[in-house]
Amino acid sequence: MKSPLFKSPRGQRGAVLVIALIMLVVSTLFVISMLKTSGLELRMSGANQVYANNFANAEAAINKFITDNSGRFAPGFLTLPASSGGVINDPPTGLVGGTVTITATQITCGSVSGKSTLIFDVAATATGTLGGAVRVHQGLKTTTPSCSVSGGSAGHDAAAAAAVKM
C-alpha cells in the first residue's frame, strides 16, 4: 500500500506561490521606504556639515580678528588705518571654503563702575561654497583710560567692515 508523505488537496494548489509573491511585494515596499529615508538622512547630514563648516569659519574669523587687534581696541580705532593703530583684518588660515565678512561696531563708550568702558560687537557672516550662511556675534568689553577721541566724539555706531575670502 502506497501512502504519500504529503497530501495535496486540490483547493490548495499554488497557495505557497501567492503567499511568496505577497511577501516579495511587502519586502520591496519596505526596501523602497528605507531608501527614501536614507536619502533624506543623507541630505540632512550634508546640510548639517555645511552649517558646521560655516560656523567654524565664522568663529575662526572672529577669534583671529580679536587676537590681531588685541590691545588696539580704543575709542574710534575702527575708523583709523591699520598703520595708525586701526583695525587689522587679515584672513584666517586653515578654513574650509567660502567667504567670511567681519563687521566690528563700537556700541558704546561710557563709565561703568567708575571706569571708562568700551563695548564692541564683532560679527562674522560666513557663506560656504556649498551654500548656506551663518552669522555669529561676539561681544567685547574693554576698559580704556578715556572715552574721548581726538578730533571727534567717542562715536557710537562707528563701524568697519571688510570681506575676507577664504
Foldseek 3Di string as FASTA:
>chain_A
DDDDPDDDDPVCPCVVVVVVVVVVVVVVVVVVVVVVVVVVVVVVVVVVVQVVLQVVLFVQQVVVQCVVLPVLDAQPLCVDDVVVSHGDRAHDPDGAAFKKKKKKWWADWDDDPNFTKTKMKIKMWTAHPVGDIDIDIDIDMDTDRDQQDPPDGSDHGDMHMDMYGD
